[in-house]
Protein backbone atom coordinates (compact mmCIF):
# COMPACT_ATOMS: atom_id res chain seq x y z
CA MET A 1 -21.30 -67.29 175.18
CA ALA A 2 -18.91 -70.20 175.16
CA ALA A 3 -16.16 -70.14 177.75
CA LYS A 4 -12.81 -68.92 176.48
CA ARG A 5 -10.38 -71.80 175.99
CA LYS A 6 -7.56 -71.77 178.51
CA THR A 7 -4.17 -71.52 176.84
CA TRP A 8 -1.84 -71.10 179.83
CA LEU A 9 -1.09 -73.61 182.58
CA ASN A 10 0.01 -72.89 186.11
CA LEU A 11 2.91 -74.78 187.65
CA ASP A 12 0.79 -77.51 189.28
CA GLU A 13 -1.19 -78.13 186.09
CA ALA A 14 2.00 -78.35 184.05
CA ARG A 15 3.48 -80.87 186.46
CA ALA A 16 0.29 -82.96 186.35
CA LEU A 17 0.28 -82.89 182.54
CA LEU A 18 3.91 -83.95 182.32
CA SER A 19 3.23 -86.75 184.78
CA ASP A 20 0.35 -88.01 182.62
CA LEU A 21 2.52 -87.82 179.51
CA GLU A 22 5.29 -89.73 181.30
CA SER A 23 2.80 -92.44 182.16
CA ASP A 24 1.50 -92.61 178.59
CA PHE A 25 5.04 -92.70 177.28
CA SER A 26 6.06 -95.54 179.58
CA SER A 27 3.03 -97.64 178.67
CA THR A 28 3.82 -97.42 174.98
CA SER A 29 7.61 -97.44 175.13
CA ASP A 30 7.79 -100.83 173.41
CA GLU A 31 6.42 -99.22 170.26
CA PHE A 32 9.41 -97.04 169.72
CA SER A 33 12.20 -98.50 171.80
CA ASP A 34 14.33 -101.51 171.05
CA SER A 35 15.66 -102.77 174.39
CA GLY A 36 16.76 -99.26 175.39
CA GLN A 37 19.46 -99.05 172.76
CA GLU A 38 20.59 -95.69 171.47
CA ILE A 39 19.43 -94.38 168.10
CA ASN A 40 22.96 -94.11 166.77
CA SER A 41 23.78 -97.70 167.57
CA THR A 42 20.60 -99.62 166.70
CA VAL A 43 20.42 -100.63 163.05
CA SER A 44 18.27 -103.29 161.48
CA SER A 45 19.49 -104.82 158.25
CA GLU A 46 16.07 -105.46 156.80
CA ALA A 47 14.67 -102.86 154.43
CA ASP A 48 11.58 -100.95 155.49
CA ASP A 49 9.48 -101.41 152.39
CA THR A 50 6.33 -100.19 154.07
CA LEU A 51 7.49 -96.61 154.43
CA PRO A 52 7.01 -94.10 151.62
CA ASP A 53 9.87 -92.86 149.51
CA ASP A 54 10.89 -89.23 149.11
CA ASN A 55 8.14 -88.88 146.50
CA ASN A 56 5.97 -87.59 149.32
CA ASN A 57 7.82 -84.30 149.44
CA ASN A 58 6.07 -81.40 151.12
CA ASP A 59 7.12 -79.15 148.25
CA SER A 60 4.89 -81.12 145.83
CA VAL A 61 7.45 -80.79 143.08
CA HIS A 62 6.39 -81.72 139.56
CA ASP A 63 8.23 -81.97 136.29
CA ALA A 64 6.59 -79.27 134.21
CA SER A 65 7.66 -80.93 130.98
CA SER A 66 5.61 -84.04 131.73
CA THR A 67 1.86 -84.49 131.84
CA SER A 68 2.14 -86.75 134.85
CA THR A 69 2.58 -85.42 138.36
CA SER A 70 5.80 -86.43 140.08
CA SER A 71 8.19 -85.05 142.65
CA SER A 72 11.55 -83.79 141.44
CA GLU A 73 13.09 -85.48 144.41
CA SER A 74 11.43 -88.74 143.37
CA ASP A 75 14.25 -89.42 141.03
CA ALA A 76 14.42 -91.88 143.43
CA ASP A 77 15.70 -91.58 146.77
CA GLY A 78 16.48 -95.17 147.48
CA THR A 79 16.02 -96.53 143.96
CA ALA A 80 18.98 -95.25 141.97
CA GLY A 81 22.71 -95.77 142.21
CA PRO A 82 24.97 -98.78 141.98
CA ASN A 83 23.72 -100.25 145.26
CA ALA A 84 20.04 -99.54 144.68
CA GLY A 85 19.01 -103.12 145.30
CA ALA A 86 20.82 -103.37 148.64
CA ALA A 87 18.78 -103.33 151.85
CA ARG A 88 18.92 -99.98 153.62
CA PRO A 89 19.22 -99.92 157.43
CA VAL A 90 16.08 -99.17 159.44
CA TRP A 91 16.67 -97.06 162.52
CA LYS A 92 14.90 -97.86 165.79
CA TRP A 93 13.91 -95.12 168.19
CA SER A 94 14.90 -95.10 171.84
CA ARG A 95 13.83 -93.15 174.87
CA ASN A 96 17.44 -92.86 176.01
CA ILE A 97 19.00 -89.55 175.01
CA GLN A 98 22.64 -88.57 175.16
CA LYS A 99 23.68 -84.94 174.94
CA PRO A 100 26.11 -84.67 172.02
CA ASN A 101 29.57 -83.34 172.63
CA GLU A 102 30.29 -79.86 171.32
CA LEU A 103 32.47 -80.14 168.25
CA ILE A 104 35.61 -78.07 167.94
CA PHE A 105 35.40 -75.71 164.97
CA THR A 106 38.62 -75.65 162.95
CA GLY A 107 37.42 -73.76 159.87
CA THR A 108 38.94 -70.47 158.73
CA PRO A 109 35.94 -68.31 157.74
CA GLY A 110 36.17 -64.98 155.99
CA ILE A 111 37.07 -63.37 152.69
CA LYS A 112 40.17 -64.85 151.02
CA VAL A 113 41.04 -62.07 148.58
CA HIS A 114 42.21 -58.50 148.97
CA LEU A 115 39.79 -55.67 148.24
CA TYR A 116 41.07 -52.19 147.46
CA ASN A 117 37.70 -50.49 147.99
CA VAL A 118 35.17 -52.41 150.09
CA THR A 119 32.39 -49.94 149.19
CA ASP A 120 32.72 -50.39 145.40
CA PRO A 121 30.11 -52.86 144.01
CA LEU A 122 32.06 -53.22 140.76
CA GLU A 123 35.06 -54.61 142.61
CA TYR A 124 32.87 -57.35 144.12
CA PHE A 125 31.37 -58.14 140.72
CA GLU A 126 34.83 -58.48 139.19
CA LEU A 127 35.82 -61.01 141.85
CA TYR A 128 33.57 -63.46 140.01
CA PHE A 129 33.36 -62.07 136.46
CA ASP A 130 37.08 -61.54 136.17
CA GLU A 131 39.33 -61.23 133.13
CA GLY A 132 39.52 -64.99 132.63
CA LEU A 133 35.75 -65.44 132.40
CA ILE A 134 35.26 -62.39 130.18
CA ASP A 135 37.97 -63.57 127.78
CA MET A 136 36.35 -67.01 127.61
CA ILE A 137 32.99 -65.43 126.69
CA VAL A 138 34.68 -63.26 124.04
CA ASP A 139 36.47 -66.21 122.44
CA GLU A 140 33.43 -68.50 122.36
CA THR A 141 31.09 -65.74 121.11
CA ASN A 142 33.42 -64.89 118.24
CA ARG A 143 33.90 -68.59 117.46
CA PHE A 144 30.17 -69.28 117.32
CA ALA A 145 29.50 -66.20 115.17
CA GLN A 146 32.14 -67.32 112.68
CA GLN A 147 30.78 -70.90 112.60
CA TYR A 148 27.25 -69.61 112.07
CA ILE A 149 28.13 -67.18 109.28
CA GLN A 150 30.25 -69.75 107.44
CA GLY A 151 27.66 -72.51 107.71
CA ALA A 152 24.45 -70.59 107.05
CA THR A 153 22.95 -69.18 103.88
CA LEU A 154 22.39 -65.56 104.84
CA LYS A 155 19.80 -63.33 103.27
CA PRO A 156 21.08 -60.12 101.65
CA LYS A 157 19.76 -57.97 104.51
CA SER A 158 20.57 -60.39 107.30
CA ARG A 159 21.76 -58.73 110.50
CA ALA A 160 24.52 -61.36 110.77
CA ARG A 161 26.28 -59.85 107.72
CA LYS A 162 27.11 -56.83 109.88
CA TRP A 163 28.87 -58.89 112.53
CA THR A 164 32.33 -57.79 113.64
CA PRO A 165 34.33 -59.61 116.34
CA THR A 166 33.63 -58.46 119.86
CA ASN A 167 36.13 -57.74 122.65
CA SER A 168 36.29 -57.77 126.44
CA ASN A 169 35.30 -54.12 126.87
CA GLU A 170 32.19 -54.56 124.72
CA ILE A 171 31.19 -57.73 126.58
CA ARG A 172 31.45 -55.85 129.88
CA VAL A 173 29.14 -53.14 128.54
CA PHE A 174 26.77 -55.80 127.23
CA LEU A 175 26.61 -57.53 130.65
CA ALA A 176 26.03 -54.15 132.33
CA LEU A 177 23.05 -53.50 130.05
CA LEU A 178 21.60 -56.92 130.87
CA ILE A 179 21.88 -56.19 134.59
CA LEU A 180 20.30 -52.76 134.08
CA GLN A 181 17.41 -54.36 132.22
CA GLY A 182 16.74 -56.39 135.34
CA ILE A 183 16.38 -53.14 137.29
CA VAL A 184 14.48 -51.09 134.69
CA HIS A 185 11.71 -53.42 133.52
CA LYS A 186 10.17 -53.15 130.06
CA PRO A 187 8.14 -55.83 128.26
CA VAL A 188 9.93 -55.44 124.89
CA ALA A 189 13.71 -55.20 124.50
CA GLU A 190 13.49 -52.60 121.73
CA TRP A 191 11.74 -50.19 124.10
CA TYR A 192 15.02 -49.61 125.92
CA TRP A 193 16.19 -47.80 122.76
CA SER A 194 12.87 -46.03 122.12
CA THR A 195 13.03 -42.28 121.45
CA LYS A 196 9.45 -41.68 122.55
CA ASP A 197 9.15 -39.40 125.55
CA THR A 198 6.96 -41.89 127.39
CA LEU A 199 9.38 -44.81 126.95
CA SER A 200 12.80 -43.25 126.51
CA THR A 201 15.80 -44.54 128.49
CA PRO A 202 18.59 -42.67 126.65
CA TYR A 203 21.44 -44.32 128.54
CA PHE A 204 21.09 -47.56 126.54
CA ALA A 205 21.47 -45.86 123.16
CA SER A 206 24.39 -43.81 124.44
CA VAL A 207 26.55 -46.88 125.11
CA MET A 208 25.40 -49.41 122.47
CA SER A 209 23.12 -49.45 119.43
CA VAL A 210 20.07 -51.69 119.42
CA ASN A 211 21.34 -53.62 116.36
CA ARG A 212 24.69 -54.37 117.99
CA PHE A 213 22.93 -55.47 121.18
CA LYS A 214 20.75 -57.87 119.18
CA LEU A 215 23.80 -59.28 117.40
CA LEU A 216 25.53 -59.97 120.70
CA MET A 217 22.38 -61.60 122.04
CA GLN A 218 22.22 -63.78 118.93
CA PHE A 219 25.81 -64.99 119.08
CA LEU A 220 26.51 -64.97 122.82
CA HIS A 221 28.14 -68.31 123.59
CA PHE A 222 30.13 -70.02 126.35
CA VAL A 223 31.38 -73.25 124.79
CA ASP A 224 32.49 -74.71 121.47
CA ASN A 225 29.54 -76.70 120.08
CA THR A 226 31.85 -79.02 118.15
CA THR A 227 33.22 -80.50 121.40
CA PHE A 228 29.86 -81.84 122.59
CA ASP A 229 29.80 -85.58 123.30
CA ALA A 230 26.36 -86.66 124.50
CA ASP A 231 27.56 -90.13 125.51
CA ASN A 232 30.42 -89.02 127.75
CA ASP A 233 29.35 -85.60 129.00
CA PRO A 234 28.54 -85.88 132.75
CA SER A 235 25.81 -83.23 132.47
CA PRO A 236 24.64 -83.00 128.85
CA LYS A 237 21.63 -80.80 129.61
CA LEU A 238 23.94 -78.09 130.96
CA PHE A 239 26.57 -78.43 128.23
CA LYS A 240 26.22 -74.90 126.87
CA LEU A 241 26.31 -73.34 130.34
CA GLN A 242 28.67 -75.68 132.18
CA PRO A 243 31.92 -73.71 131.63
CA VAL A 244 30.42 -70.56 133.15
CA LEU A 245 28.71 -72.46 135.97
CA ASP A 246 31.95 -74.25 136.86
CA TYR A 247 33.97 -71.04 136.71
CA ILE A 248 31.61 -69.09 138.96
CA ALA A 249 31.17 -72.02 141.34
CA GLU A 250 34.94 -72.21 141.79
CA LYS A 251 35.01 -68.47 142.49
CA PHE A 252 32.26 -68.74 145.11
CA VAL A 253 34.43 -71.25 147.00
CA SER A 254 37.80 -69.54 146.59
CA VAL A 255 36.73 -65.96 147.37
CA TYR A 256 35.04 -66.62 150.72
CA THR A 257 34.78 -69.30 153.41
CA PRO A 258 31.51 -69.41 155.41
CA GLU A 259 31.12 -69.15 159.18
CA ARG A 260 30.36 -72.23 161.25
CA GLU A 261 26.56 -72.18 160.83
CA ILE A 262 25.59 -73.11 157.27
CA SER A 263 22.29 -74.06 155.67
CA ILE A 264 21.34 -76.36 152.79
CA ASP A 265 18.08 -75.91 150.91
CA GLU A 266 16.66 -75.69 147.41
CA SER A 267 16.03 -72.59 145.33
CA LEU A 268 13.84 -71.96 142.28
CA MET A 269 14.91 -69.42 139.67
CA LEU A 270 11.93 -68.16 137.67
CA TRP A 271 11.78 -69.51 134.13
CA LYS A 272 8.63 -70.11 132.08
CA GLY A 273 10.24 -70.75 128.70
CA ARG A 274 10.74 -74.09 126.98
CA LEU A 275 13.01 -76.32 128.99
CA GLY A 276 12.91 -80.08 129.46
CA TRP A 277 14.02 -79.98 133.12
CA LYS A 278 11.97 -77.00 134.22
CA GLN A 279 10.38 -77.65 137.61
CA TYR A 280 6.93 -76.81 138.95
CA ILE A 281 6.74 -76.25 142.71
CA PRO A 282 3.30 -74.84 143.66
CA ILE A 283 4.28 -73.59 147.11
CA LYS A 284 7.18 -71.52 145.78
CA ARG A 285 6.67 -67.88 144.92
CA ASP A 286 7.70 -68.31 141.27
CA ARG A 287 6.26 -71.86 140.91
CA PHE A 288 7.98 -72.50 137.55
CA GLY A 289 11.69 -72.40 137.09
CA ILE A 290 15.15 -73.94 137.34
CA LYS A 291 15.77 -75.72 140.59
CA SER A 292 19.11 -75.76 142.37
CA PHE A 293 20.39 -77.12 145.66
CA GLU A 294 22.43 -74.54 147.54
CA LEU A 295 24.76 -74.41 150.52
CA CYS A 296 24.66 -70.96 152.08
CA GLU A 297 26.13 -69.21 155.07
CA SER A 298 23.28 -68.88 157.57
CA SER A 299 24.13 -65.37 158.76
CA SER A 300 24.63 -63.68 155.38
CA GLY A 301 22.94 -65.95 152.82
CA TYR A 302 26.17 -66.14 150.78
CA ILE A 303 25.93 -69.00 148.29
CA TRP A 304 29.09 -71.04 148.78
CA LYS A 305 28.24 -74.00 146.55
CA PHE A 306 25.33 -75.04 144.35
CA ILE A 307 24.07 -77.90 142.18
CA VAL A 308 21.71 -77.21 139.28
CA TYR A 309 19.08 -79.96 139.28
CA THR A 310 18.40 -81.41 135.81
CA GLY A 311 16.58 -84.60 136.81
CA LYS A 312 17.49 -88.08 137.94
CA GLU A 313 20.58 -88.10 135.72
CA ALA A 314 22.02 -85.12 137.63
CA ASN A 315 25.73 -85.51 138.23
CA LEU A 316 25.61 -86.66 141.87
CA LYS A 317 27.67 -89.29 143.68
CA ARG A 318 24.81 -91.53 144.79
CA ASP A 319 26.60 -94.73 145.90
CA GLY A 320 23.26 -96.24 146.90
CA LYS A 321 22.37 -93.33 149.19
CA LEU A 322 19.20 -91.27 149.18
CA LEU A 323 19.19 -88.35 146.75
CA SER A 324 18.83 -85.94 149.66
CA THR A 325 21.81 -87.48 151.47
CA SER A 326 23.94 -87.31 148.31
CA VAL A 327 23.05 -83.63 147.82
CA VAL A 328 24.17 -82.69 151.33
CA LEU A 329 27.40 -84.68 151.11
CA ASP A 330 28.29 -83.29 147.67
CA LEU A 331 27.66 -79.69 148.72
CA ALA A 332 29.43 -79.93 152.07
CA GLU A 333 32.31 -82.22 151.09
CA ASP A 334 35.01 -79.53 151.43
CA LEU A 335 33.65 -78.37 154.80
CA LEU A 336 33.41 -81.75 156.52
CA ASP A 337 35.75 -82.76 159.37
CA LYS A 338 35.99 -79.13 160.54
CA GLY A 339 33.19 -78.86 163.09
CA TYR A 340 30.65 -77.09 160.89
CA LYS A 341 26.97 -77.09 161.84
CA ILE A 342 24.55 -77.79 158.96
CA TYR A 343 20.90 -76.73 159.18
CA MET A 344 18.40 -78.42 156.86
CA ASP A 345 14.69 -79.19 156.48
CA ASN A 346 12.94 -82.55 156.59
CA PHE A 347 13.66 -83.42 152.96
CA TYR A 348 17.37 -83.77 153.73
CA SER A 349 17.56 -84.82 157.38
CA SER A 350 17.61 -88.52 158.23
CA PRO A 351 19.35 -90.78 160.76
CA GLU A 352 21.53 -92.12 157.94
CA LEU A 353 22.78 -88.64 157.05
CA ALA A 354 23.16 -87.61 160.70
CA GLN A 355 25.37 -90.63 161.39
CA ILE A 356 27.55 -89.90 158.35
CA LEU A 357 27.97 -86.26 159.35
CA VAL A 358 28.75 -87.08 162.98
CA ASP A 359 31.41 -89.51 161.80
CA ARG A 360 32.86 -86.64 159.75
CA ASN A 361 33.01 -84.28 162.77
CA THR A 362 30.03 -82.23 161.55
CA ASP A 363 26.86 -81.25 163.41
CA ALA A 364 23.44 -81.70 161.78
CA VAL A 365 20.32 -79.76 162.82
CA GLY A 366 16.95 -80.25 161.16
CA THR A 367 13.38 -81.36 161.33
CA LEU A 368 12.55 -84.99 160.66
CA ARG A 369 9.86 -86.38 158.39
CA LEU A 370 8.20 -89.09 160.47
CA ASN A 371 7.05 -91.25 157.54
CA ARG A 372 10.34 -90.99 155.67
CA LYS A 373 11.75 -94.20 154.28
CA GLY A 374 14.45 -95.50 156.62
CA ASN A 375 13.52 -93.30 159.58
CA GLY A 376 12.04 -96.15 161.60
CA THR A 377 8.50 -97.42 162.01
CA SER A 378 7.63 -95.66 165.26
CA CYS A 379 8.54 -92.14 166.22
CA PHE A 380 7.76 -89.99 169.21
CA THR A 381 4.23 -88.91 168.22
CA PHE A 382 2.16 -87.93 171.25
CA HIS A 383 0.66 -84.43 171.49
CA LEU A 384 0.77 -81.68 174.05
CA TYR A 385 -2.98 -81.26 174.22
CA PHE A 386 -2.92 -77.65 175.40
CA SER A 387 -0.97 -76.47 172.34
CA GLY A 388 -1.27 -79.21 169.71
CA ASP A 389 2.49 -79.23 169.11
CA LEU A 390 3.84 -82.51 167.81
CA LEU A 391 6.85 -83.94 169.57
């Protein structure tokens, strides 16, 4: 029987190993040190064209609407924006390490509105879907129904002939039924109104008829179609949803302020229907869906701000920066200069972003992709042989 591999080291063995590693490190220090200068002060003006772009994303993101395989982040970290042709600094790595100063946190976290009953879920829901949003949905739904009926040639038995204007109370009931359908799953919408004993869910029929529900589904609308301007709209792919997205996003920010530790990452909402900017991420649970970048409070997961990703034309302030850097700065803009601490994975973290955040009195914590464009040509890459961990 083969001898069991030793996984623990005693004190003398650990000291000997560290001594060997110190020797190896010193003999190769020229590979990743530039005259002992610090990482945050050593910048080369020449572009590192030999390093891969963000196309080599670990998430292996593909545009599901295209037959070619490409990363959704490939919309070109380093190739888009007004300063795309400018040389990007290349950071050099140094053995010298300075412990960063602890930043003073000046944020004011917590809920910013008054709650009458903190145990009532409906009160939390109405913080975001308030009277203003409901009235907007009512107005645009009635407008679209009128435009459709006036502009279409309806058949004698068309369901649209039975349309009557909706109101805020009916829209609230309609939204409640949609939420309930997400809890009680059935493959066909009509089954929620079935009278068969094996399928019956009588609550649906008690609050709204199936025909009225279908009419509301047909005419549900959030924006006036006649105002669409494809040439000047900053996010044309989200035109029909943008008013609701903007309204809810503003509520997320105004209702609550996150604690000091925040996290930025991407999320994929399941969607397998027809959509030009649907994403395919094999390692995600849902794989197909709508991708968004989100800033969340680390302790609770509260989504404070989000960006729906629609492709390289997404409405981001690039200014010659990497896509990942632009995402972080856009999401965290209102929290900068307050001592927040942002956690991120290796798609977002880079020396360029770290320097920007430090200059804005913000901590950055994250893993680093060694072969990332702009991260330097030589990183600290020796192994601890007893564990295989990469440093």
